[in-house]
Every structure is written in structure tokens, then in C-alpha cells.
PDB file of N, CA and C in Angstrom:
ATOM      1  N   MET A   1       0.842  -1.332   0.053  1.00  0.00           N
ATOM      2  CA  MET A   1      -0.099  -0.038   0.034  1.00  0.00           C
ATOM      3  C   MET A   1       0.967   1.285   0.107  1.00  0.00           C
ATOM      4  N   THR A   2       0.459   2.126  -0.890  1.00  0.00           N
ATOM      5  CA  THR A   2       1.341   3.397  -0.862  1.00  0.00           C
ATOM      6  C   THR A   2       0.597   4.378  -0.069  1.00  0.00           C
ATOM      7  N   ALA A   3       1.575   5.461   0.504  1.00  0.00           N
ATOM      8  CA  ALA A   3       1.139   6.640   1.424  1.00  0.00           C
ATOM      9  C   ALA A   3       0.476   7.491   0.335  1.00  0.00           C
ATOM     10  N   ALA A   4      -0.184   8.256   1.149  1.00  0.00           N
ATOM     11  CA  ALA A   4      -1.146   9.334   0.379  1.00  0.00           C
ATOM     12  C   ALA A   4      -0.036  10.401   0.021  1.00  0.00           C
ATOM     13  N   PRO A   5      -0.125  10.999  -1.107  1.00  0.00           N
ATOM     14  CA  PRO A   5       0.846  12.300  -1.169  1.00  0.00           C
ATOM     15  C   PRO A   5       0.320  13.169  -0.369  1.00  0.00           C
ATOM     16  N   THR A   6       1.403  13.925   0.003  1.00  0.00           N
ATOM     17  CA  THR A   6       1.429  15.348   0.835  1.00  0.00           C
ATOM     18  C   THR A   6       1.307  16.434   0.036  1.00  0.00           C
ATOM     19  N   LEU A   7       0.191  17.436   0.449  1.00  0.00           N
ATOM     20  CA  LEU A   7       0.438  18.616  -0.624  1.00  0.00           C
ATOM     21  C   LEU A   7       1.219  19.607   0.006  1.00  0.00           C
ATOM     22  N   GLU A   8       2.142  20.300  -0.607  1.00  0.00           N
ATOM     23  CA  GLU A   8       2.842  21.416  -0.311  1.00  0.00           C
ATOM     24  C   GLU A   8       1.945  22.421   0.077  1.00  0.00           C
ATOM     25  N   ARG A   9       2.701  23.128   1.178  1.00  0.00           N
ATOM     26  CA  ARG A   9       1.817  24.563   1.824  1.00  0.00           C
ATOM     27  C   ARG A   9       2.254  25.515   0.726  1.00  0.00           C
ATOM     28  N   LEU A  10       1.312  26.323   0.228  1.00  0.00           N
ATOM     29  CA  LEU A  10       1.147  27.326  -0.702  1.00  0.00           C
ATOM     30  C   LEU A  10       0.670  28.544   0.036  1.00  0.00           C
ATOM     31  N   TYR A  11       1.455  29.745   0.216  1.00  0.00           N
ATOM     32  CA  TYR A  11       1.131  30.790   0.715  1.00  0.00           C
ATOM     33  C   TYR A  11       0.594  32.053  -0.384  1.00  0.00           C
ATOM     34  N   SER A  12      -0.576  32.640  -0.171  1.00  0.00           N
ATOM     35  CA  SER A  12      -0.799  33.793  -1.080  1.00  0.00           C
ATOM     36  C   SER A  12      -0.290  35.025  -0.598  1.00  0.00           C
ATOM     37  N   LEU A  13       0.092  35.858  -1.733  1.00  0.00           N
ATOM     38  CA  LEU A  13       0.895  37.189  -1.027  1.00  0.00           C
ATOM     39  C   LEU A  13       0.134  37.900  -0.203  1.00  0.00           C
ATOM     40  N   ARG A  14      -1.333  37.699  -0.055  1.00  0.00           N
ATOM     41  CA  ARG A  14      -1.905  38.574   1.148  1.00  0.00           C
ATOM     42  C   ARG A  14      -1.459  37.904   2.504  1.00  0.00           C
ATOM     43  N   GLU A  15      -1.280  36.439   2.496  1.00  0.00           N
ATOM     44  CA  GLU A  15      -0.902  35.706   3.724  1.00  0.00           C
ATOM     45  C   GLU A  15       0.675  36.122   4.107  1.00  0.00           C
ATOM     46  N   LEU A  16       1.202  36.313   2.964  1.00  0.00           N
ATOM     47  CA  LEU A  16       2.972  36.735   3.473  1.00  0.00           C
ATOM     48  C   LEU A  16       2.881  38.068   3.808  1.00  0.00           C
ATOM     49  N   ALA A  17       1.926  39.072   3.304  1.00  0.00           N
ATOM     50  CA  ALA A  17       1.892  40.487   3.696  1.00  0.00           C
ATOM     51  C   ALA A  17       1.375  40.558   5.081  1.00  0.00           C
ATOM     52  N   GLU A  18       0.715  39.908   5.487  1.00  0.00           N
ATOM     53  CA  GLU A  18      -0.106  39.867   6.823  1.00  0.00           C
ATOM     54  C   GLU A  18       1.046  39.169   8.061  1.00  0.00           C
ATOM     55  N   ALA A  19       1.898  38.400   7.359  1.00  0.00           N
ATOM     56  CA  ALA A  19       2.988  37.919   8.280  1.00  0.00           C
ATOM     57  C   ALA A  19       4.299  38.487   8.151  1.00  0.00           C
ATOM     58  N   ASN A  20       4.140  39.964   7.746  1.00  0.00           N
ATOM     59  CA  ASN A  20       5.263  40.672   7.751  1.00  0.00           C
ATOM     60  C   ASN A  20       6.368  40.239   6.837  1.00  0.00           C
ATOM     61  N   TYR A  21       6.048  39.538   5.545  1.00  0.00           N
ATOM     62  CA  TYR A  21       7.432  39.167   4.962  1.00  0.00           C
ATOM     63  C   TYR A  21       7.450  40.273   3.833  1.00  0.00           C
ATOM     64  N   GLY A  22       6.580  41.364   3.751  1.00  0.00           N
ATOM     65  CA  GLY A  22       6.746  42.557   2.788  1.00  0.00           C
ATOM     66  C   GLY A  22       5.338  42.790   2.347  1.00  0.00           C
ATOM     67  N   THR A  23       5.297  43.985   1.756  1.00  0.00           N
ATOM     68  CA  THR A  23       3.912  44.207   1.069  1.00  0.00           C
ATOM     69  C   THR A  23       3.754  43.410  -0.154  1.00  0.00           C
ATOM     70  N   ARG A  24       2.553  43.288  -0.714  1.00  0.00           N
ATOM     71  CA  ARG A  24       2.022  42.703  -1.786  1.00  0.00           C
ATOM     72  C   ARG A  24       3.028  43.096  -2.847  1.00  0.00           C
ATOM     73  N   THR A  25       3.083  44.580  -2.855  1.00  0.00           N
ATOM     74  CA  THR A  25       3.847  45.143  -4.210  1.00  0.00           C
ATOM     75  C   THR A  25       5.175  44.603  -4.214  1.00  0.00           C
ATOM     76  N   THR A  26       5.891  44.759  -2.928  1.00  0.00           N
ATOM     77  CA  THR A  26       7.322  44.340  -3.065  1.00  0.00           C
ATOM     78  C   THR A  26       7.452  42.814  -3.233  1.00  0.00           C
ATOM     79  N   LEU A  27       6.375  41.769  -2.813  1.00  0.00           N
ATOM     80  CA  LEU A  27       6.614  40.470  -3.197  1.00  0.00           C
ATOM     81  C   LEU A  27       6.281  40.276  -4.500  1.00  0.00           C
ATOM     82  N   THR A  28       5.364  41.046  -5.351  1.00  0.00           N
ATOM     83  CA  THR A  28       5.083  40.746  -6.682  1.00  0.00           C
ATOM     84  C   THR A  28       6.245  41.373  -7.294  1.00  0.00           C
ATOM     85  N   LYS A  29       7.066  42.523  -7.131  1.00  0.00           N
ATOM     86  CA  LYS A  29       8.108  42.935  -7.595  1.00  0.00           C
ATOM     87  C   LYS A  29       9.308  41.830  -7.679  1.00  0.00           C
ATOM     88  N   ARG A  30       9.583  41.101  -6.515  1.00  0.00           N
ATOM     89  CA  ARG A  30      10.573  40.062  -6.477  1.00  0.00           C
ATOM     90  C   ARG A  30      10.182  39.096  -7.216  1.00  0.00           C
ATOM     91  N   ILE A  31       8.784  38.875  -7.554  1.00  0.00           N
ATOM     92  CA  ILE A  31       8.407  37.484  -8.287  1.00  0.00           C
ATOM     93  C   ILE A  31       8.887  37.927  -9.781  1.00  0.00           C
ATOM     94  N   HIS A  32       8.701  39.280 -10.023  1.00  0.00           N
ATOM     95  CA  HIS A  32       8.844  39.488 -11.451  1.00  0.00           C
ATOM     96  C   HIS A  32      10.289  39.511 -11.783  1.00  0.00           C
ATOM     97  N   GLU A  33      11.134  39.959 -10.563  1.00  0.00           N
ATOM     98  CA  GLU A  33      12.566  40.313 -10.710  1.00  0.00           C
ATOM     99  C   GLU A  33      13.284  38.873 -10.969  1.00  0.00           C
ATOM    100  N   GLY A  34      12.593  37.810 -10.378  1.00  0.00           N
ATOM    101  CA  GLY A  34      13.136  36.339 -10.479  1.00  0.00           C
ATOM    102  C   GLY A  34      13.871  35.884  -9.215  1.00  0.00           C
ATOM    103  N   THR A  35      13.681  36.762  -8.238  1.00  0.00           N
ATOM    104  CA  THR A  35      14.417  36.551  -6.925  1.00  0.00           C
ATOM    105  C   THR A  35      13.400  36.005  -5.916  1.00  0.00           C
ATOM    106  N   LEU A  36      12.146  35.697  -6.184  1.00  0.00           N
ATOM    107  CA  LEU A  36      11.300  34.745  -5.315  1.00  0.00           C
ATOM    108  C   LEU A  36      10.541  33.954  -6.388  1.00  0.00           C
ATOM    109  N   PRO A  37      10.969  32.741  -6.175  1.00  0.00           N
ATOM    110  CA  PRO A  37       9.910  31.744  -7.204  1.00  0.00           C
ATOM    111  C   PRO A  37       8.579  31.718  -6.873  1.00  0.00           C
ATOM    112  N   ALA A  38       7.777  31.724  -7.587  1.00  0.00           N
ATOM    113  CA  ALA A  38       6.136  31.585  -7.212  1.00  0.00           C
ATOM    114  C   ALA A  38       5.508  30.903  -8.396  1.00  0.00           C
ATOM    115  N   LEU A  39       4.443  30.472  -7.943  1.00  0.00           N
ATOM    116  CA  LEU A  39       3.563  29.363  -8.947  1.00  0.00           C
ATOM    117  C   LEU A  39       2.237  30.431  -9.023  1.00  0.00           C
ATOM    118  N   LYS A  40       1.599  30.253 -10.310  1.00  0.00           N
ATOM    119  CA  LYS A  40       0.520  31.091 -10.410  1.00  0.00           C
ATOM    120  C   LYS A  40      -0.682  30.200 -10.554  1.00  0.00           C
ATOM    121  N   VAL A  41      -1.648  30.290  -9.684  1.00  0.00           N
ATOM    122  CA  VAL A  41      -2.957  29.438  -9.369  1.00  0.00           C
ATOM    123  C   VAL A  41      -3.943  29.992  -9.513  1.00  0.00           C
ATOM    124  N   ASN A  42      -4.847  29.898 -10.607  1.00  0.00           N
ATOM    125  CA  ASN A  42      -6.194  30.587 -10.651  1.00  0.00           C
ATOM    126  C   ASN A  42      -5.924  32.049 -10.607  1.00  0.00           C
ATOM    127  N   GLY A  43      -4.677  32.374 -11.551  1.00  0.00           N
ATOM    128  CA  GLY A  43      -4.575  33.685 -11.561  1.00  0.00           C
ATOM    129  C   GLY A  43      -3.677  34.717 -10.611  1.00  0.00           C
ATOM    130  N   SER A  44      -3.575  33.799  -9.384  1.00  0.00           N
ATOM    131  CA  SER A  44      -3.006  34.474  -8.149  1.00  0.00           C
ATOM    132  C   SER A  44      -1.637  33.875  -7.900  1.00  0.00           C
ATOM    133  N   TYR A  45      -0.683  34.676  -7.263  1.00  0.00           N
ATOM    134  CA  TYR A  45       0.770  34.194  -7.271  1.00  0.00           C
ATOM    135  C   TYR A  45       0.527  33.144  -5.667  1.00  0.00           C
ATOM    136  N   LYS A  46       1.187  32.262  -5.632  1.00  0.00           N
ATOM    137  CA  LYS A  46       1.379  31.628  -4.654  1.00  0.00           C
ATOM    138  C   LYS A  46       2.962  31.176  -4.456  1.00  0.00           C
ATOM    139  N   VAL A  47       3.406  31.194  -3.231  1.00  0.00           N
ATOM    140  CA  VAL A  47       4.770  31.155  -2.746  1.00  0.00           C
ATOM    141  C   VAL A  47       4.856  29.692  -1.771  1.00  0.00           C
ATOM    142  N   ARG A  48       5.684  28.891  -2.366  1.00  0.00           N
ATOM    143  CA  ARG A  48       5.901  27.446  -1.555  1.00  0.00           C
ATOM    144  C   ARG A  48       6.769  27.784  -0.202  1.00  0.00           C
ATOM    145  N   GLU A  49       6.006  26.890   0.651  1.00  0.00           N
ATOM    146  CA  GLU A  49       6.699  27.198   1.869  1.00  0.00           C
ATOM    147  C   GLU A  49       8.101  27.018   1.969  1.00  0.00           C
ATOM    148  N   GLN A  50       8.587  25.912   0.999  1.00  0.00           N
ATOM    149  CA  GLN A  50      10.045  25.980   1.207  1.00  0.00           C
ATOM    150  C   GLN A  50      10.907  26.935   0.417  1.00  0.00           C
ATOM    151  N   ASP A  51      10.053  28.119   0.077  1.00  0.00           N
ATOM    152  CA  ASP A  51      10.940  28.956  -0.517  1.00  0.00           C
ATOM    153  C   ASP A  51      10.742  30.194   0.215  1.00  0.00           C
ATOM    154  N   LEU A  52      10.216  30.310   1.561  1.00  0.00           N
ATOM    155  CA  LEU A  52       9.938  31.334   2.356  1.00  0.00           C
ATOM    156  C   LEU A  52      11.340  31.720   2.860  1.00  0.00           C
ATOM    157  N   HIS A  53      12.327  30.898   2.981  1.00  0.00           N
ATOM    158  CA  HIS A  53      13.811  31.302   3.546  1.00  0.00           C
ATOM    159  C   HIS A  53      14.540  32.582   2.618  1.00  0.00           C
ATOM    160  N   LEU A  54      13.902  32.595   1.505  1.00  0.00           N
ATOM    161  CA  LEU A  54      14.459  33.575   0.232  1.00  0.00           C
ATOM    162  C   LEU A  54      14.129  34.961   0.515  1.00  0.00           C
ATOM    163  N   LEU A  55      13.051  35.056   1.579  1.00  0.00           N
ATOM    164  CA  LEU A  55      12.404  36.268   1.811  1.00  0.00           C
ATOM    165  C   LEU A  55      13.184  36.970   3.184  1.00  0.00           C
ATOM    166  N   ALA A  56      13.891  36.037   3.702  1.00  0.00           N
ATOM    167  CA  ALA A  56      14.563  36.437   5.168  1.00  0.00           C
ATOM    168  C   ALA A  56      15.962  37.011   4.680  1.00  0.00           C
ATOM    169  N   GLU A  57      16.395  38.108   5.334  1.00  0.00           N
ATOM    170  CA  GLU A  57      17.795  38.670   4.994  1.00  0.00           C
ATOM    171  C   GLU A  57      18.659  38.213   6.387  1.00  0.00           C
ATOM    172  N   PRO A  58      19.763  37.830   6.112  1.00  0.00           N
ATOM    173  CA  PRO A  58      21.033  37.567   6.953  1.00  0.00           C
ATOM    174  C   PRO A  58      21.227  38.814   7.826  1.00  0.00           C
ATOM    175  N   VAL A  59      21.447  39.061   9.191  1.00  0.00           N
ATOM    176  CA  VAL A  59      21.728  40.142   9.781  1.00  0.00           C
ATOM    177  C   VAL A  59      23.084  39.581  10.220  1.00  0.00           C
ATOM    178  N   SER A  60      24.107  40.414  10.406  1.00  0.00           N
ATOM    179  CA  SER A  60      25.443  40.254  10.790  1.00  0.00           C
ATOM    180  C   SER A  60      25.659  41.139  11.926  1.00  0.00           C
ATOM    181  N   PRO A  61      26.431  40.875  12.735  1.00  0.00           N
ATOM    182  CA  PRO A  61      26.617  41.585  14.155  1.00  0.00           C
ATOM    183  C   PRO A  61      27.119  42.898  13.905  1.00  0.00           C
ATOM    184  N   ALA A  62      27.804  43.368  12.565  1.00  0.00           N
ATOM    185  CA  ALA A  62      28.437  44.750  12.188  1.00  0.00           C
ATOM    186  C   ALA A  62      27.014  45.420  11.731  1.00  0.00           C
ATOM    187  N   ALA A  63      26.260  44.662  10.956  1.00  0.00           N
ATOM    188  CA  ALA A  63      25.124  45.440  10.492  1.00  0.00           C
ATOM    189  C   ALA A  63      24.300  45.663  12.045  1.00  0.00           C
ATOM    190  N   LEU A  64      23.843  44.972  12.820  1.00  0.00           N
ATOM    191  CA  LEU A  64      23.174  45.533  14.347  1.00  0.00           C
ATOM    192  C   LEU A  64      24.220  46.605  14.738  1.00  0.00           C
ATOM    193  N   ASP A  65      25.300  46.491  14.972  1.00  0.00           N
ATOM    194  CA  ASP A  65      26.026  47.777  15.489  1.00  0.00           C
ATOM    195  C   ASP A  65      25.697  49.071  14.728  1.00  0.00           C
ATOM    196  N   ASP A  66      25.778  48.853  13.475  1.00  0.00           N
ATOM    197  CA  ASP A  66      25.641  50.041  12.473  1.00  0.00           C
ATOM    198  C   ASP A  66      24.206  50.528  12.663  1.00  0.00           C
ATOM    199  N   ALA A  67      23.225  49.726  12.787  1.00  0.00           N
ATOM    200  CA  ALA A  67      21.988  50.059  12.914  1.00  0.00           C
ATOM    201  C   ALA A  67      21.655  50.846  14.127  1.00  0.00           C
ATOM    202  N   SER A  68      22.318  50.199  15.376  1.00  0.00           N
ATOM    203  CA  SER A  68      22.063  50.718  16.742  1.00  0.00           C
ATOM    204  C   SER A  68      22.628  52.325  16.682  1.00  0.00           C
ATOM    205  N   SER A  69      23.861  52.211  16.019  1.00  0.00           N
ATOM    206  CA  SER A  69      24.550  53.402  16.026  1.00  0.00           C
ATOM    207  C   SER A  69      23.693  54.580  15.276  1.00  0.00           C
ATOM    208  N   ASP A  70      23.255  54.199  14.122  1.00  0.00           N
ATOM    209  CA  ASP A  70      22.388  54.885  13.128  1.00  0.00           C
ATOM    210  C   ASP A  70      21.282  55.543  14.008  1.00  0.00           C
ATOM    211  N   GLU A  71      20.453  54.553  14.904  1.00  0.00           N
ATOM    212  CA  GLU A  71      19.188  54.822  15.472  1.00  0.00           C
ATOM    213  C   GLU A  71      19.525  55.796  16.708  1.00  0.00           C
ATOM    214  N   ALA A  72      20.665  55.594  17.563  1.00  0.00           N
ATOM    215  CA  ALA A  72      21.169  56.591  18.311  1.00  0.00           C
ATOM    216  C   ALA A  72      21.791  57.871  17.805  1.00  0.00           C
ATOM    217  N   SER A  73      22.099  58.058  16.894  1.00  0.00           N
ATOM    218  CA  SER A  73      22.597  59.276  16.121  1.00  0.00           C
ATOM    219  C   SER A  73      20.983  60.091  15.511  1.00  0.00           C
ATOM    220  N   GLY A  74      20.044  59.262  15.229  1.00  0.00           N
ATOM    221  CA  GLY A  74      18.813  59.762  14.865  1.00  0.00           C
ATOM    222  C   GLY A  74      18.256  60.176  15.937  1.00  0.00           C
ATOM    223  N   LEU A  75      18.406  59.562  17.110  1.00  0.00           N
ATOM    224  CA  LEU A  75      17.614  60.259  18.389  1.00  0.00           C
ATOM    225  C   LEU A  75      18.427  61.431  18.872  1.00  0.00           C
ATOM    226  N   ASP A  76      19.730  61.602  18.717  1.00  0.00           N
ATOM    227  CA  ASP A  76      20.466  62.575  18.888  1.00  0.00           C
ATOM    228  C   ASP A  76      20.052  63.925  18.256  1.00  0.00           C
ATOM    229  N   ASP A  77      19.766  63.732  16.787  1.00  0.00           N
ATOM    230  CA  ASP A  77      19.380  64.624  15.802  1.00  0.00           C
ATOM    231  C   ASP A  77      18.142  64.956  16.168  1.00  0.00           C
ATOM    232  N   LEU A  78      17.198  64.140  16.804  1.00  0.00           N
ATOM    233  CA  LEU A  78      15.523  64.485  16.863  1.00  0.00           C
ATOM    234  C   LEU A  78      15.731  65.282  18.287  1.00  0.00           C
ATOM    235  N   ALA A  79      16.504  65.037  19.377  1.00  0.00           N
ATOM    236  CA  ALA A  79      16.680  65.776  20.574  1.00  0.00           C
ATOM    237  C   ALA A  79      16.898  67.265  20.242  1.00  0.00           C
ATOM    238  N   SER A  80      18.088  67.253  19.280  1.00  0.00           N
ATOM    239  CA  SER A  80      18.822  68.573  18.692  1.00  0.00           C
ATOM    240  C   SER A  80      17.627  69.423  18.493  1.00  0.00           C
ATOM    241  N   LEU A  81      16.848  68.965  17.132  1.00  0.00           N
ATOM    242  CA  LEU A  81      15.911  69.559  16.731  1.00  0.00           C
ATOM    243  C   LEU A  81      14.838  70.132  17.593  1.00  0.00           C
ATOM    244  N   ALA A  82      14.440  69.216  18.463  1.00  0.00           N
ATOM    245  CA  ALA A  82      13.394  69.423  19.375  1.00  0.00           C
ATOM    246  C   ALA A  82      13.505  70.764  20.194  1.00  0.00           C
ATOM    247  N   ALA A  83      14.985  70.643  20.909  1.00  0.00           N
ATOM    248  CA  ALA A  83      15.452  71.838  21.565  1.00  0.00           C
ATOM    249  C   ALA A  83      15.700  72.874  20.848  1.00  0.00           C
ATOM    250  N   GLN A  84      16.058  72.951  19.642  1.00  0.00           N
ATOM    251  CA  GLN A  84      15.899  74.012  18.798  1.00  0.00           C
ATOM    252  C   GLN A  84      14.461  74.691  18.586  1.00  0.00           C
ATOM    253  N   MET A  85      13.621  73.883  18.400  1.00  0.00           N
ATOM    254  CA  MET A  85      12.294  74.277  17.981  1.00  0.00           C
ATOM    255  C   MET A  85      11.842  75.206  19.430  1.00  0.00           C
ATOM    256  N   VAL A  86      12.043  74.390  20.386  1.00  0.00           N
ATOM    257  CA  VAL A  86      11.437  74.908  21.888  1.00  0.00           C
ATOM    258  C   VAL A  86      12.058  76.332  22.042  1.00  0.00           C
ATOM    259  N   SER A  87      13.418  76.347  21.897  1.00  0.00           N
ATOM    260  CA  SER A  87      13.982  77.470  22.099  1.00  0.00           C
ATOM    261  C   SER A  87      13.608  78.871  21.362  1.00  0.00           C
ATOM    262  N   THR A  88      13.062  78.584  20.254  1.00  0.00           N
ATOM    263  CA  THR A  88      12.707  79.618  19.226  1.00  0.00           C
ATOM    264  C   THR A  88      11.074  79.834  19.656  1.00  0.00           C
ATOM    265  N   TRP A  89      10.272  79.054  20.383  1.00  0.00           N
ATOM    266  CA  TRP A  89       8.845  79.241  20.332  1.00  0.00           C
ATOM    267  C   TRP A  89       8.669  80.694  21.212  1.00  0.00           C
ATOM    268  N   PRO A  90       7.731  81.348  20.836  1.00  0.00           N
ATOM    269  CA  PRO A  90       7.145  82.553  21.867  1.00  0.00           C
ATOM    270  C   PRO A  90       6.983  82.231  23.142  1.00  0.00           C
ATOM    271  N   ALA A  91       7.193  82.855  24.335  1.00  0.00           N
ATOM    272  CA  ALA A  91       6.834  82.554  25.471  1.00  0.00           C
ATOM    273  C   ALA A  91       5.420  82.778  25.738  1.00  0.00           C
ATOM    274  N   LEU A  92       4.815  81.935  26.271  1.00  0.00           N
ATOM    275  CA  LEU A  92       3.388  82.054  26.826  1.00  0.00           C
ATOM    276  C   LEU A  92       2.991  82.928  27.720  1.00  0.00           C
ATOM    277  N   THR A  93       1.971  83.659  27.577  1.00  0.00           N
ATOM    278  CA  THR A  93       1.478  84.858  28.553  1.00  0.00           C
ATOM    279  C   THR A  93       0.837  83.785  29.670  1.00  0.00           C
ATOM    280  N   PRO A  94       0.552  84.509  30.880  1.00  0.00           N
ATOM    281  CA  PRO A  94      -0.190  83.471  31.973  1.00  0.00           C
ATOM    282  C   PRO A  94      -1.537  83.249  31.608  1.00  0.00           C
ATOM    283  N   GLU A  95      -2.217  84.037  30.685  1.00  0.00           N
ATOM    284  CA  GLU A  95      -3.577  83.723  30.024  1.00  0.00           C
ATOM    285  C   GLU A  95      -3.407  82.493  29.048  1.00  0.00           C
ATOM    286  N   ARG A  96      -2.650  82.510  28.199  1.00  0.00           N
ATOM    287  CA  ARG A  96      -2.391  81.278  27.146  1.00  0.00           C
ATOM    288  C   ARG A  96      -1.849  80.085  27.955  1.00  0.00           C
ATOM    289  N   LYS A  97      -0.953  80.147  29.190  1.00  0.00           N
ATOM    290  CA  LYS A  97      -0.845  79.013  29.954  1.00  0.00           C
ATOM    291  C   LYS A  97      -1.906  78.457  30.285  1.00  0.00           C
ATOM    292  N   ARG A  98      -2.921  79.365  31.289  1.00  0.00           N
ATOM    293  CA  ARG A  98      -3.971  78.613  31.662  1.00  0.00           C
ATOM    294  C   ARG A  98      -5.248  77.941  30.499  1.00  0.00           C
ATOM    295  N   GLU A  99      -5.282  78.584  29.327  1.00  0.00           N
ATOM    296  CA  GLU A  99      -5.846  78.300  28.117  1.00  0.00           C
ATOM    297  C   GLU A  99      -5.297  76.742  27.848  1.00  0.00           C
ATOM    298  N   LEU A 100      -3.869  76.587  27.736  1.00  0.00           N
ATOM    299  CA  LEU A 100      -3.153  75.514  27.405  1.00  0.00           C
ATOM    300  C   LEU A 100      -3.651  74.470  28.544  1.00  0.00           C
ATOM    301  N   GLY A 101      -3.437  74.759  29.808  1.00  0.00           N
ATOM    302  CA  GLY A 101      -3.665  73.801  30.790  1.00  0.00           C
ATOM    303  C   GLY A 101      -5.240  73.322  30.777  1.00  0.00           C
ATOM    304  N   ARG A 102      -6.040  74.216  30.487  1.00  0.00           N
ATOM    305  CA  ARG A 102      -7.508  73.887  30.378  1.00  0.00           C
ATOM    306  C   ARG A 102      -7.768  72.958  29.224  1.00  0.00           C
ATOM    307  N   LEU A 103      -7.220  72.941  28.001  1.00  0.00           N
ATOM    308  CA  LEU A 103      -7.252  72.328  27.025  1.00  0.00           C
ATOM    309  C   LEU A 103      -6.524  70.888  27.147  1.00  0.00           C
ATOM    310  N   LEU A 104      -5.605  70.947  27.791  1.00  0.00           N
ATOM    311  CA  LEU A 104      -4.968  69.652  28.170  1.00  0.00           C
ATOM    312  C   LEU A 104      -5.366  68.660  29.179  1.00  0.00           C
ATOM    313  N   GLY A 105      -6.543  69.308  29.813  1.00  0.00           N
ATOM    314  CA  GLY A 105      -7.278  68.748  30.908  1.00  0.00           C
ATOM    315  C   GLY A 105      -6.752  68.869  32.178  1.00  0.00           C
ATOM    316  N   GLY A 106      -5.514  70.080  32.551  1.00  0.00           N
ATOM    317  CA  GLY A 106      -5.017  69.997  33.832  1.00  0.00           C
ATOM    318  C   GLY A 106      -5.782  71.150  34.510  1.00  0.00           C
ATOM    319  N   ALA A 107      -5.465  71.660  35.730  1.00  0.00           N
ATOM    320  CA  ALA A 107      -6.110  72.272  36.624  1.00  0.00           C
ATOM    321  C   ALA A 107      -5.751  73.723  35.902  1.00  0.00           C
ATOM    322  N   ALA A 108      -6.867  74.638  36.033  1.00  0.00           N
ATOM    323  CA  ALA A 108      -6.867  75.918  35.377  1.00  0.00           C
ATOM    324  C   ALA A 108      -6.058  77.034  36.345  1.00  0.00           C
TER     325      ALA A 108
END
């Protein structure tokens, strides 16, 4: 007696997008570029489970260090920009401070 054939799991682009493998547009682009193998079933692209590894990008420790330093630099830039904006704002009059406090739900 032979074993029943097992069907290979196929994922729609919508399922992959919902699982954060990329947007449908990006996935379609990769299919057209040939970097992501796919099947067309009833007019819709399907990706084999065995090909999902092609959507993952390896991360090296150096890339992690670069990303964290870029993020820290971005936060420094943001803090600097916020400080510059606050320093150039006009001072609030006592009446405006009360109004702002009322609008923010604080005590008047």
C-alpha cells in the first residue's frame, strides 16, 4: 500500500504580507525580478513554504552595530531639533498657559 501524497503548503501574497514578509507590491516585484519563485494558481501568485527562506535577510553583528548607532544618531538629531524648536517658540502669557492647561485637561 502506498502512502497518500502530501500537498505542499502554498502561501498567497496576502498571507505573506500579513505575516510581515513584505508588502504585496514588494513581493510581486521580487517575483517579477526572479528573486522569489512563485506559482500562478487561478490567476493568483502562490509561494511555496520551502521558498520562504528567500524572503529572510541575514543580519551580521556589524550590521546590528551600525543600525543601533544610526538609531542613536537619529535620536540625538531629533533631540537637538526639538531643543532648537522649543528655544525659538514665543513665551506663553499667563492667560495662554491657563488656556493650554484647560485644553490639556489640567487644572486652570
